[in-house]
Amino acid sequence: PKPAFMKLTTTPVVRAMTFTKQVFQDIVLPINKLEEQIDKSEEFFDTYPILVYPCRIYDHGEHRGQLRPPRPDQMVPGTNYGMFNDLGVYGVPRAVRERKRWDAVTAMRNMEAY
């Protein structure tokens, strides 16, 4: 089944729980900041395991592709790409598991601002 159809069949309570009690976060960041990314993920979500996989982002020119081209300082010398990683955080944050207050919106915005 298509995800859009599955979303239509969920109840409002289940939808609310999904968005306020769980994390589904994917963010692409420079790979040379991986340790810092993991620290931030723990600070905002504190849930494991996390998914980390490397990816190249090519410089196809301005306004081309889904992602903006890497900055000059992010380029691998002698290539037309920069090395990044996708950091995937999926699960129930520790605060929720411990029945403590957790603000999903603030946590997501903090990670995206990082």
N, C-alpha and C. Protein backbone atom coordinates (compact mmCIF):
# COMPACT_ATOMS: atom_id res chain seq x y z
N PRO A 1 0.83 -1.21 0.00
CA PRO A 1 0.00 0.00 0.00
C PRO A 1 0.86 1.26 0.00
N LYS A 2 0.29 2.28 -0.54
CA LYS A 2 1.00 3.56 -0.60
C LYS A 2 0.94 4.25 0.77
N PRO A 3 2.03 4.94 1.17
CA PRO A 3 2.04 5.63 2.46
C PRO A 3 0.89 6.63 2.61
N ALA A 4 0.55 7.33 1.54
CA ALA A 4 -0.54 8.30 1.63
C ALA A 4 -1.85 7.62 2.01
N PHE A 5 -2.10 6.44 1.45
CA PHE A 5 -3.31 5.70 1.79
C PHE A 5 -3.26 5.25 3.26
N MET A 6 -2.11 4.79 3.69
CA MET A 6 -1.98 4.33 5.07
C MET A 6 -2.22 5.47 6.05
N LYS A 7 -1.76 6.67 5.70
CA LYS A 7 -1.98 7.82 6.58
C LYS A 7 -3.47 8.14 6.70
N LEU A 8 -4.20 7.96 5.61
CA LEU A 8 -5.64 8.23 5.63
C LEU A 8 -6.39 7.27 6.55
N THR A 9 -5.85 6.08 6.71
CA THR A 9 -6.56 5.07 7.50
C THR A 9 -6.20 5.11 8.98
N THR A 10 -5.27 5.95 9.38
CA THR A 10 -4.93 6.02 10.80
C THR A 10 -5.89 6.96 11.52
N THR A 11 -6.09 6.67 12.78
CA THR A 11 -6.99 7.51 13.58
C THR A 11 -6.26 8.78 14.01
N PRO A 12 -7.00 9.82 14.37
CA PRO A 12 -6.35 11.05 14.85
C PRO A 12 -5.45 10.82 16.06
N VAL A 13 -5.82 9.90 16.93
CA VAL A 13 -5.01 9.62 18.12
C VAL A 13 -3.68 9.00 17.71
N VAL A 14 -3.73 8.06 16.78
CA VAL A 14 -2.49 7.42 16.31
C VAL A 14 -1.62 8.44 15.59
N ARG A 15 -2.21 9.29 14.77
CA ARG A 15 -1.45 10.32 14.07
C ARG A 15 -0.78 11.27 15.08
N ALA A 16 -1.52 11.70 16.07
CA ALA A 16 -0.97 12.61 17.08
C ALA A 16 0.18 11.94 17.83
N MET A 17 0.01 10.67 18.18
CA MET A 17 1.06 9.95 18.89
C MET A 17 2.31 9.82 18.02
N THR A 18 2.12 9.54 16.74
CA THR A 18 3.24 9.39 15.83
C THR A 18 4.07 10.66 15.74
N PHE A 19 3.42 11.81 15.74
CA PHE A 19 4.14 13.06 15.58
C PHE A 19 4.67 13.64 16.88
N THR A 20 4.16 13.21 18.02
CA THR A 20 4.59 13.81 19.28
C THR A 20 5.37 12.87 20.18
N LYS A 21 5.38 11.58 19.86
CA LYS A 21 6.03 10.60 20.74
C LYS A 21 7.12 9.81 20.05
N GLN A 22 7.37 10.10 18.78
CA GLN A 22 8.38 9.36 18.04
C GLN A 22 9.22 10.32 17.21
N VAL A 23 10.38 9.83 16.78
CA VAL A 23 11.27 10.62 15.94
C VAL A 23 11.39 9.92 14.59
N PHE A 24 11.25 10.69 13.53
CA PHE A 24 11.53 10.24 12.17
C PHE A 24 12.31 11.39 11.53
N GLN A 25 13.61 11.38 11.69
CA GLN A 25 14.43 12.51 11.26
C GLN A 25 15.55 12.02 10.34
N ASP A 26 15.63 12.59 9.16
CA ASP A 26 16.75 12.38 8.24
C ASP A 26 17.32 13.74 7.92
N ILE A 27 18.61 13.86 8.04
CA ILE A 27 19.24 15.14 7.73
C ILE A 27 20.61 14.87 7.11
N VAL A 28 20.93 15.61 6.07
CA VAL A 28 22.21 15.47 5.38
C VAL A 28 23.15 16.58 5.85
N LEU A 29 24.32 16.16 6.33
CA LEU A 29 25.29 17.09 6.91
C LEU A 29 26.70 16.73 6.46
N PRO A 30 27.65 17.66 6.55
CA PRO A 30 29.04 17.36 6.16
C PRO A 30 29.61 16.23 7.02
N ILE A 31 30.24 15.26 6.37
CA ILE A 31 30.72 14.08 7.07
C ILE A 31 31.83 14.41 8.08
N ASN A 32 32.55 15.52 7.87
CA ASN A 32 33.62 15.86 8.80
C ASN A 32 33.07 16.36 10.15
N LYS A 33 31.76 16.48 10.28
CA LYS A 33 31.13 16.89 11.53
C LYS A 33 30.33 15.74 12.16
N LEU A 34 30.65 14.51 11.80
CA LEU A 34 29.87 13.35 12.23
C LEU A 34 29.78 13.22 13.76
N GLU A 35 30.90 13.36 14.44
CA GLU A 35 30.88 13.21 15.90
C GLU A 35 29.96 14.25 16.54
N GLU A 36 30.05 15.48 16.05
CA GLU A 36 29.19 16.56 16.56
C GLU A 36 27.71 16.27 16.26
N GLN A 37 27.43 15.72 15.09
CA GLN A 37 26.06 15.37 14.71
C GLN A 37 25.46 14.35 15.68
N ILE A 38 26.26 13.35 16.01
CA ILE A 38 25.79 12.31 16.92
C ILE A 38 25.54 12.90 18.30
N ASP A 39 26.43 13.79 18.75
CA ASP A 39 26.23 14.46 20.04
C ASP A 39 24.93 15.26 20.04
N LYS A 40 24.67 16.00 18.95
CA LYS A 40 23.44 16.79 18.85
C LYS A 40 22.21 15.89 18.82
N SER A 41 22.30 14.79 18.08
CA SER A 41 21.20 13.84 18.02
C SER A 41 20.87 13.31 19.41
N GLU A 42 21.90 12.99 20.17
CA GLU A 42 21.67 12.50 21.53
C GLU A 42 21.07 13.59 22.40
N GLU A 43 21.55 14.81 22.25
CA GLU A 43 21.02 15.93 23.03
C GLU A 43 19.52 16.16 22.75
N PHE A 44 19.14 16.12 21.48
CA PHE A 44 17.76 16.45 21.10
C PHE A 44 16.80 15.27 21.19
N PHE A 45 17.29 14.05 20.90
CA PHE A 45 16.39 12.89 20.80
C PHE A 45 16.73 11.75 21.76
N ASP A 46 18.02 11.52 21.99
CA ASP A 46 18.49 10.44 22.86
C ASP A 46 17.80 9.12 22.55
N THR A 47 17.91 8.71 21.30
CA THR A 47 17.38 7.41 20.91
C THR A 47 18.37 6.72 19.98
N TYR A 48 18.50 5.44 20.15
CA TYR A 48 19.42 4.64 19.36
C TYR A 48 18.70 3.37 18.94
N PRO A 49 19.15 2.71 17.90
CA PRO A 49 20.30 3.03 17.07
C PRO A 49 19.99 4.17 16.12
N ILE A 50 21.04 4.74 15.57
CA ILE A 50 20.88 5.75 14.53
C ILE A 50 21.47 5.18 13.24
N LEU A 51 21.03 5.71 12.14
CA LEU A 51 21.51 5.27 10.83
C LEU A 51 22.44 6.34 10.28
N VAL A 52 23.63 5.95 9.88
CA VAL A 52 24.58 6.88 9.28
C VAL A 52 25.08 6.25 7.99
N TYR A 53 24.89 6.95 6.89
CA TYR A 53 25.51 6.45 5.66
C TYR A 53 26.07 7.62 4.86
N PRO A 54 27.22 7.36 4.23
CA PRO A 54 27.89 8.42 3.48
C PRO A 54 27.20 8.68 2.15
N CYS A 55 27.35 9.89 1.67
CA CYS A 55 26.83 10.24 0.34
C CYS A 55 27.66 11.37 -0.24
N ARG A 56 27.77 11.36 -1.54
CA ARG A 56 28.43 12.44 -2.25
C ARG A 56 27.36 13.42 -2.71
N ILE A 57 27.68 14.68 -2.61
CA ILE A 57 26.81 15.71 -3.19
C ILE A 57 27.64 16.42 -4.24
N TYR A 58 27.18 16.30 -5.46
CA TYR A 58 27.90 16.85 -6.60
C TYR A 58 27.53 18.30 -6.83
N ASP A 59 28.49 19.03 -7.36
CA ASP A 59 28.25 20.41 -7.77
C ASP A 59 27.83 20.39 -9.24
N HIS A 60 26.52 20.42 -9.47
CA HIS A 60 25.98 20.44 -10.83
C HIS A 60 25.70 21.86 -11.28
N GLY A 61 26.07 22.82 -10.47
CA GLY A 61 25.80 24.22 -10.78
C GLY A 61 24.66 24.73 -9.92
N GLU A 62 24.59 26.03 -9.84
CA GLU A 62 23.57 26.68 -9.02
C GLU A 62 22.17 26.37 -9.54
N HIS A 63 21.24 26.15 -8.63
CA HIS A 63 19.82 25.91 -8.95
C HIS A 63 19.60 24.65 -9.78
N ARG A 64 20.45 23.64 -9.59
CA ARG A 64 20.26 22.36 -10.28
C ARG A 64 20.30 21.25 -9.26
N GLY A 65 19.36 20.34 -9.33
CA GLY A 65 19.30 19.23 -8.40
C GLY A 65 18.47 19.57 -7.18
N GLN A 66 18.26 18.57 -6.35
CA GLN A 66 17.44 18.76 -5.15
C GLN A 66 18.20 19.42 -4.02
N LEU A 67 19.50 19.24 -3.99
CA LEU A 67 20.33 19.80 -2.92
C LEU A 67 21.20 20.90 -3.48
N ARG A 68 21.44 21.92 -2.69
CA ARG A 68 22.33 22.98 -3.15
C ARG A 68 23.76 22.42 -3.22
N PRO A 69 24.57 22.95 -4.11
CA PRO A 69 25.94 22.43 -4.25
C PRO A 69 26.75 22.67 -2.98
N PRO A 70 27.73 21.83 -2.74
CA PRO A 70 28.61 22.04 -1.59
C PRO A 70 29.35 23.37 -1.70
N ARG A 71 29.62 23.95 -0.55
CA ARG A 71 30.45 25.17 -0.53
C ARG A 71 31.87 24.78 -0.94
N PRO A 72 32.66 25.74 -1.40
CA PRO A 72 34.04 25.42 -1.80
C PRO A 72 34.85 24.70 -0.71
N ASP A 73 34.66 25.09 0.56
CA ASP A 73 35.42 24.45 1.63
C ASP A 73 34.92 23.04 1.94
N GLN A 74 33.80 22.62 1.36
CA GLN A 74 33.27 21.28 1.58
C GLN A 74 33.61 20.32 0.45
N MET A 75 34.23 20.84 -0.61
CA MET A 75 34.55 20.02 -1.77
C MET A 75 35.77 19.13 -1.48
N VAL A 76 35.74 17.92 -2.01
CA VAL A 76 36.90 17.04 -1.94
C VAL A 76 37.89 17.56 -2.99
N PRO A 77 39.13 17.83 -2.61
CA PRO A 77 40.10 18.40 -3.56
C PRO A 77 40.20 17.57 -4.84
N GLY A 78 40.17 18.28 -5.98
CA GLY A 78 40.34 17.63 -7.27
C GLY A 78 39.08 16.94 -7.80
N THR A 79 37.93 17.15 -7.14
CA THR A 79 36.68 16.52 -7.59
C THR A 79 35.59 17.58 -7.75
N ASN A 80 34.43 17.12 -8.18
CA ASN A 80 33.28 18.03 -8.28
C ASN A 80 32.21 17.65 -7.27
N TYR A 81 32.63 17.09 -6.12
CA TYR A 81 31.68 16.70 -5.09
C TYR A 81 32.24 16.93 -3.69
N GLY A 82 31.32 16.96 -2.73
CA GLY A 82 31.68 17.02 -1.32
C GLY A 82 31.16 15.76 -0.65
N MET A 83 31.80 15.35 0.43
CA MET A 83 31.37 14.16 1.17
C MET A 83 30.49 14.57 2.34
N PHE A 84 29.33 13.97 2.39
CA PHE A 84 28.34 14.23 3.42
C PHE A 84 27.87 12.90 3.97
N ASN A 85 27.00 12.98 4.94
CA ASN A 85 26.37 11.75 5.43
C ASN A 85 24.91 12.07 5.74
N ASP A 86 24.11 11.05 5.61
CA ASP A 86 22.73 11.14 6.03
C ASP A 86 22.68 10.59 7.45
N LEU A 87 22.13 11.37 8.35
CA LEU A 87 21.96 10.93 9.73
C LEU A 87 20.48 10.64 9.92
N GLY A 88 20.15 9.39 10.15
CA GLY A 88 18.76 8.99 10.33
C GLY A 88 18.51 8.63 11.79
N VAL A 89 17.53 9.29 12.36
CA VAL A 89 17.16 9.03 13.75
C VAL A 89 15.70 8.61 13.75
N TYR A 90 15.44 7.39 14.18
CA TYR A 90 14.09 6.85 14.15
C TYR A 90 13.84 6.12 15.47
N GLY A 91 12.74 6.40 16.11
CA GLY A 91 12.42 5.68 17.33
C GLY A 91 11.72 6.56 18.35
N VAL A 92 11.72 6.07 19.56
CA VAL A 92 11.07 6.76 20.68
C VAL A 92 12.15 7.39 21.55
N PRO A 93 12.12 8.70 21.71
CA PRO A 93 13.14 9.38 22.54
C PRO A 93 13.12 8.88 23.99
N ARG A 94 14.27 8.94 24.62
CA ARG A 94 14.40 8.47 26.01
C ARG A 94 13.38 9.14 26.92
N ALA A 95 13.19 10.45 26.77
CA ALA A 95 12.24 11.17 27.64
C ALA A 95 10.84 10.56 27.53
N VAL A 96 10.42 10.21 26.34
CA VAL A 96 9.09 9.60 26.16
C VAL A 96 9.07 8.22 26.82
N ARG A 97 10.13 7.44 26.61
CA ARG A 97 10.19 6.10 27.23
C ARG A 97 10.14 6.20 28.75
N GLU A 98 10.71 7.27 29.30
CA GLU A 98 10.72 7.46 30.75
C GLU A 98 9.51 8.26 31.24
N ARG A 99 8.56 8.49 30.34
CA ARG A 99 7.31 9.21 30.65
C ARG A 99 7.57 10.63 31.16
N LYS A 100 8.60 11.26 30.57
CA LYS A 100 8.90 12.64 30.87
C LYS A 100 8.44 13.51 29.71
N ARG A 101 8.38 14.81 29.95
CA ARG A 101 7.96 15.74 28.90
C ARG A 101 9.03 15.82 27.81
N TRP A 102 8.59 15.75 26.56
CA TRP A 102 9.48 15.90 25.41
C TRP A 102 8.75 16.71 24.36
N ASP A 103 9.36 17.79 23.90
CA ASP A 103 8.74 18.68 22.92
C ASP A 103 9.28 18.33 21.54
N ALA A 104 8.48 17.59 20.78
CA ALA A 104 8.90 17.11 19.45
C ALA A 104 9.20 18.25 18.50
N VAL A 105 8.37 19.26 18.49
CA VAL A 105 8.55 20.38 17.56
C VAL A 105 9.86 21.10 17.84
N THR A 106 10.13 21.39 19.10
CA THR A 106 11.37 22.08 19.46
C THR A 106 12.59 21.24 19.12
N ALA A 107 12.52 19.95 19.43
CA ALA A 107 13.65 19.06 19.14
C ALA A 107 13.94 19.00 17.65
N MET A 108 12.89 18.87 16.84
CA MET A 108 13.08 18.80 15.38
C MET A 108 13.63 20.13 14.85
N ARG A 109 13.09 21.24 15.33
CA ARG A 109 13.58 22.54 14.86
C ARG A 109 15.02 22.77 15.27
N ASN A 110 15.39 22.34 16.47
CA ASN A 110 16.78 22.49 16.92
C ASN A 110 17.72 21.69 16.03
N MET A 111 17.32 20.47 15.68
CA MET A 111 18.18 19.64 14.82
C MET A 111 18.29 20.25 13.44
N GLU A 112 17.20 20.73 12.90
CA GLU A 112 17.23 21.35 11.57
C GLU A 112 18.02 22.65 11.57
N ALA A 113 17.98 23.39 12.68
CA ALA A 113 18.75 24.63 12.77
C ALA A 113 20.25 24.35 12.88
N TYR A 114 20.56 23.21 13.50
CA TYR A 114 21.98 22.83 13.64
C TYR A 114 22.58 22.65 12.26
